[in-house]
Amino acid sequence: MQGKASIILSGTVASGTGSGRHYMRQRRYRIQFIDKLGIAPYSGTLNIRLSGADLKKFALLKKRRGILVKGFRKQGRSFGNVMCYRAELSGIRCAVIVPELSRRVDVAEIISKERLRTNLSLHDGSNVRVRVPARMPVRRRFVEKA
């Protein structure tokens, strides 16, 4: 699983604090998600709680080269860098995001153009699998429409 194999993260959906919504609404992040990932993200993240072997897989994923979304300062507040990894959840194109300033090591945050909880009928405790391919086609300047 080191270099070129896909990584599958399995975990359970968990409610967050709602801060993902705040960050997803930041214009400077949104522009970069659209430009670099081709995703105009829903204004929130899907949190997946990981445990056991999936924590190790998540640590391996974070060592891979991802797509950097640069942080910025706004009104005296720091918005840190975010490393992104193209992914797929139940056939829906998405990305695993790893905020530089996050202290959570047991939660993978997922962004997508869709509200995944609603579209996939997910609730806290739902089991999900996110596949991060070894390589995923780059779609520059392509934006999925909601």
C-alpha atoms as a PDB file:
ATOM      1  CA  MET A   1       0.000   0.000   0.000  1.00  0.00           C
ATOM      2  CA  GLN A   2       3.023   2.259   0.074  1.00  0.00           C
ATOM      3  CA  GLY A   3       3.357   4.011  -3.258  1.00  0.00           C
ATOM      4  CA  LYS A   4       0.843   3.208  -5.923  1.00  0.00           C
ATOM      5  CA  ALA A   5      -2.012   1.225  -4.408  1.00  0.00           C
ATOM      6  CA  SER A   6      -5.400   2.730  -3.708  1.00  0.00           C
ATOM      7  CA  ILE A   7      -6.183   3.384  -0.070  1.00  0.00           C
ATOM      8  CA  ILE A   8      -9.615   2.458   1.252  1.00  0.00           C
ATOM      9  CA  LEU A   9     -10.657   4.176   4.466  1.00  0.00           C
ATOM     10  CA  SER A  10     -13.536   2.554   6.333  1.00  0.00           C
ATOM     11  CA  GLY A  11     -15.218   4.258   9.221  1.00  0.00           C
ATOM     12  CA  THR A  12     -18.423   5.579  10.688  1.00  0.00           C
ATOM     13  CA  VAL A  13     -20.145   8.876  10.010  1.00  0.00           C
ATOM     14  CA  ALA A  14     -19.900  11.240  12.965  1.00  0.00           C
ATOM     15  CA  SER A  15     -21.253  14.701  13.661  1.00  0.00           C
ATOM     16  CA  GLY A  16     -18.716  17.464  13.837  1.00  0.00           C
ATOM     17  CA  THR A  17     -18.710  20.830  15.521  1.00  0.00           C
ATOM     18  CA  GLY A  18     -20.021  22.661  12.456  1.00  0.00           C
ATOM     19  CA  SER A  19     -16.719  24.436  11.868  1.00  0.00           C
ATOM     20  CA  GLY A  20     -16.330  22.687   8.492  1.00  0.00           C
ATOM     21  CA  ARG A  21     -19.270  24.739   7.264  1.00  0.00           C
ATOM     22  CA  HIS A  22     -17.485  27.961   8.220  1.00  0.00           C
ATOM     23  CA  TYR A  23     -14.311  26.978   6.395  1.00  0.00           C
ATOM     24  CA  MET A  24     -16.100  25.679   3.293  1.00  0.00           C
ATOM     25  CA  ARG A  25     -17.801  29.062   2.925  1.00  0.00           C
ATOM     26  CA  GLN A  26     -14.507  30.954   2.798  1.00  0.00           C
ATOM     27  CA  ARG A  27     -14.195  32.396  -0.693  1.00  0.00           C
ATOM     28  CA  ARG A  28     -10.406  31.963  -0.890  1.00  0.00           C
ATOM     29  CA  TYR A  29     -10.707  28.250  -0.089  1.00  0.00           C
ATOM     30  CA  ARG A  30     -13.689  27.741  -2.441  1.00  0.00           C
ATOM     31  CA  ILE A  31     -11.857  29.283  -5.405  1.00  0.00           C
ATOM     32  CA  GLN A  32      -8.934  26.908  -4.875  1.00  0.00           C
ATOM     33  CA  PHE A  33     -11.169  23.833  -4.433  1.00  0.00           C
ATOM     34  CA  ILE A  34     -12.831  24.676  -7.738  1.00  0.00           C
ATOM     35  CA  ASP A  35      -9.569  25.419  -9.539  1.00  0.00           C
ATOM     36  CA  LYS A  36      -7.467  22.572  -8.138  1.00  0.00           C
ATOM     37  CA  LEU A  37     -10.023  19.807  -7.534  1.00  0.00           C
ATOM     38  CA  GLY A  38     -12.805  20.708  -9.934  1.00  0.00           C
ATOM     39  CA  ILE A  39     -15.254  20.609  -7.031  1.00  0.00           C
ATOM     40  CA  ALA A  40     -17.499  23.484  -6.002  1.00  0.00           C
ATOM     41  CA  PRO A  41     -17.999  22.018  -2.530  1.00  0.00           C
ATOM     42  CA  TYR A  42     -21.176  21.842  -0.518  1.00  0.00           C
ATOM     43  CA  SER A  43     -20.737  24.142   2.471  1.00  0.00           C
ATOM     44  CA  GLY A  44     -19.850  21.493   5.010  1.00  0.00           C
ATOM     45  CA  THR A  45     -17.787  18.363   5.454  1.00  0.00           C
ATOM     46  CA  LEU A  46     -18.718  14.757   6.088  1.00  0.00           C
ATOM     47  CA  ASN A  47     -16.773  13.492   9.090  1.00  0.00           C
ATOM     48  CA  ILE A  48     -15.732   9.858   9.152  1.00  0.00           C
ATOM     49  CA  ARG A  49     -14.409   8.476  12.427  1.00  0.00           C
ATOM     50  CA  LEU A  50     -11.577   5.996  11.873  1.00  0.00           C
ATOM     51  CA  SER A  51     -10.150   3.334  14.152  1.00  0.00           C
ATOM     52  CA  GLY A  52      -7.707   0.442  14.153  1.00  0.00           C
ATOM     53  CA  ALA A  53      -6.033  -0.320  10.833  1.00  0.00           C
ATOM     54  CA  ASP A  54      -7.825   2.595   9.179  1.00  0.00           C
ATOM     55  CA  LEU A  55      -5.932   5.040  11.387  1.00  0.00           C
ATOM     56  CA  LYS A  56      -2.709   3.583   9.992  1.00  0.00           C
ATOM     57  CA  LYS A  57      -4.032   3.873   6.430  1.00  0.00           C
ATOM     58  CA  PHE A  58      -4.998   7.490   7.100  1.00  0.00           C
ATOM     59  CA  ALA A  59      -1.471   8.190   8.368  1.00  0.00           C
ATOM     60  CA  LEU A  60      -0.084   6.615   5.169  1.00  0.00           C
ATOM     61  CA  LEU A  61      -2.416   8.728   3.050  1.00  0.00           C
ATOM     62  CA  LYS A  62      -1.183  11.901   4.738  1.00  0.00           C
ATOM     63  CA  LYS A  63       2.372  10.987   3.707  1.00  0.00           C
ATOM     64  CA  ARG A  64       1.361  10.911   0.043  1.00  0.00           C
ATOM     65  CA  ARG A  65       1.725  13.889  -2.170  1.00  0.00           C
ATOM     66  CA  GLY A  66      -1.634  15.624  -2.249  1.00  0.00           C
ATOM     67  CA  ILE A  67      -3.071  18.766  -3.743  1.00  0.00           C
ATOM     68  CA  LEU A  68      -2.256  21.839  -1.698  1.00  0.00           C
ATOM     69  CA  VAL A  69      -4.926  24.431  -1.024  1.00  0.00           C
ATOM     70  CA  LYS A  70      -3.067  27.411   0.375  1.00  0.00           C
ATOM     71  CA  GLY A  71      -4.039  29.073   3.587  1.00  0.00           C
ATOM     72  CA  PHE A  72      -4.507  32.792   4.085  1.00  0.00           C
ATOM     73  CA  ARG A  73      -5.139  35.464   6.686  1.00  0.00           C
ATOM     74  CA  LYS A  74      -8.436  37.282   6.976  1.00  0.00           C
ATOM     75  CA  GLN A  75      -9.273  39.953   9.536  1.00  0.00           C
ATOM     76  CA  GLY A  76      -6.302  38.936  11.687  1.00  0.00           C
ATOM     77  CA  ARG A  77      -7.240  35.270  11.679  1.00  0.00           C
ATOM     78  CA  SER A  78      -5.178  32.449  10.142  1.00  0.00           C
ATOM     79  CA  PHE A  79      -6.794  29.957   7.797  1.00  0.00           C
ATOM     80  CA  GLY A  80      -4.198  27.220   7.352  1.00  0.00           C
ATOM     81  CA  ASN A  81      -3.146  25.154   4.387  1.00  0.00           C
ATOM     82  CA  VAL A  82      -5.289  22.168   3.466  1.00  0.00           C
ATOM     83  CA  MET A  83      -3.915  19.029   1.808  1.00  0.00           C
ATOM     84  CA  CYS A  84      -6.451  17.351  -0.470  1.00  0.00           C
ATOM     85  CA  TYR A  85      -6.690  13.861  -1.951  1.00  0.00           C
ATOM     86  CA  ARG A  86      -9.137  13.059  -4.732  1.00  0.00           C
ATOM     87  CA  ALA A  87     -11.450  10.250  -3.686  1.00  0.00           C
ATOM     88  CA  GLU A  88     -14.717   8.447  -4.299  1.00  0.00           C
ATOM     89  CA  LEU A  89     -17.512   7.594  -1.877  1.00  0.00           C
ATOM     90  CA  SER A  90     -20.339   5.355  -3.117  1.00  0.00           C
ATOM     91  CA  GLY A  91     -19.623   6.377  -6.711  1.00  0.00           C
ATOM     92  CA  ILE A  92     -19.602  10.100  -5.919  1.00  0.00           C
ATOM     93  CA  ARG A  93     -16.515  12.147  -6.704  1.00  0.00           C
ATOM     94  CA  CYS A  94     -15.173  13.797  -3.563  1.00  0.00           C
ATOM     95  CA  ALA A  95     -11.944  14.631  -1.757  1.00  0.00           C
ATOM     96  CA  VAL A  96     -10.434  13.785   1.587  1.00  0.00           C
ATOM     97  CA  ILE A  97      -9.157  17.013   3.098  1.00  0.00           C
ATOM     98  CA  VAL A  98      -6.543  17.323   5.818  1.00  0.00           C
ATOM     99  CA  PRO A  99      -6.425  20.802   7.359  1.00  0.00           C
ATOM    100  CA  GLU A 100      -2.928  21.722   8.487  1.00  0.00           C
ATOM    101  CA  LEU A 101      -4.200  23.189  11.734  1.00  0.00           C
ATOM    102  CA  SER A 102      -6.431  20.249  12.670  1.00  0.00           C
ATOM    103  CA  ARG A 103      -5.622  18.323  15.815  1.00  0.00           C
ATOM    104  CA  ARG A 104      -7.929  15.418  14.937  1.00  0.00           C
ATOM    105  CA  VAL A 105      -6.080  12.263  13.927  1.00  0.00           C
ATOM    106  CA  ASP A 106      -9.074   9.915  14.059  1.00  0.00           C
ATOM    107  CA  VAL A 107     -11.428  11.785  11.718  1.00  0.00           C
ATOM    108  CA  ALA A 108     -11.236  12.033   7.925  1.00  0.00           C
ATOM    109  CA  GLU A 109     -13.094  15.031   6.498  1.00  0.00           C
ATOM    110  CA  ILE A 110     -14.734  14.625   3.106  1.00  0.00           C
ATOM    111  CA  ILE A 111     -15.882  17.349   0.718  1.00  0.00           C
ATOM    112  CA  SER A 112     -18.079  16.963  -2.323  1.00  0.00           C
ATOM    113  CA  LYS A 113     -20.353  19.083  -4.476  1.00  0.00           C
ATOM    114  CA  GLU A 114     -23.219  17.149  -2.900  1.00  0.00           C
ATOM    115  CA  ARG A 115     -24.534  17.053   0.631  1.00  0.00           C
ATOM    116  CA  LEU A 116     -23.403  13.467   1.177  1.00  0.00           C
ATOM    117  CA  ARG A 117     -25.453  12.872   4.340  1.00  0.00           C
ATOM    118  CA  THR A 118     -28.682  13.598   2.482  1.00  0.00           C
ATOM    119  CA  ASN A 119     -27.852  12.150  -0.935  1.00  0.00           C
ATOM    120  CA  LEU A 120     -26.594   8.852   0.489  1.00  0.00           C
ATOM    121  CA  SER A 121     -29.080   8.716   3.402  1.00  0.00           C
ATOM    122  CA  LEU A 122     -26.261   8.714   5.951  1.00  0.00           C
ATOM    123  CA  HIS A 123     -26.594   9.350   9.662  1.00  0.00           C
ATOM    124  CA  ASP A 124     -24.280   9.193  12.662  1.00  0.00           C
ATOM    125  CA  GLY A 125     -23.028   5.632  12.928  1.00  0.00           C
ATOM    126  CA  SER A 126     -23.456   4.793   9.219  1.00  0.00           C
ATOM    127  CA  ASN A 127     -20.571   2.711   7.911  1.00  0.00           C
ATOM    128  CA  VAL A 128     -18.841   4.138   4.842  1.00  0.00           C
ATOM    129  CA  ARG A 129     -15.840   3.386   2.647  1.00  0.00           C
ATOM    130  CA  VAL A 130     -13.859   6.089   0.885  1.00  0.00           C
ATOM    131  CA  ARG A 131     -11.503   5.050  -1.902  1.00  0.00           C
ATOM    132  CA  VAL A 132      -8.485   7.210  -2.621  1.00  0.00           C
ATOM    133  CA  PRO A 133      -7.035   5.931  -5.900  1.00  0.00           C
ATOM    134  CA  ALA A 134      -3.328   5.757  -6.560  1.00  0.00           C
ATOM    135  CA  ARG A 135      -3.959   8.159  -9.405  1.00  0.00           C
ATOM    136  CA  MET A 136      -7.100  10.033 -10.259  1.00  0.00           C
ATOM    137  CA  PRO A 137      -7.494  12.021 -13.472  1.00  0.00           C
ATOM    138  CA  VAL A 138      -6.747  15.696 -13.127  1.00  0.00           C
ATOM    139  CA  ARG A 139      -9.606  17.842 -14.334  1.00  0.00           C
ATOM    140  CA  ARG A 140      -8.302  21.373 -14.442  1.00  0.00           C
ATOM    141  CA  ARG A 141     -10.893  24.081 -14.847  1.00  0.00           C
ATOM    142  CA  PHE A 142     -13.725  21.558 -14.799  1.00  0.00           C
ATOM    143  CA  VAL A 143     -16.468  22.307 -12.308  1.00  0.00           C
ATOM    144  CA  GLU A 144     -19.267  19.904 -11.531  1.00  0.00           C
ATOM    145  CA  LYS A 145     -22.577  21.693 -11.362  1.00  0.00           C
ATOM    146  CA  ALA A 146     -24.938  21.073  -8.500  1.00  0.00           C
END
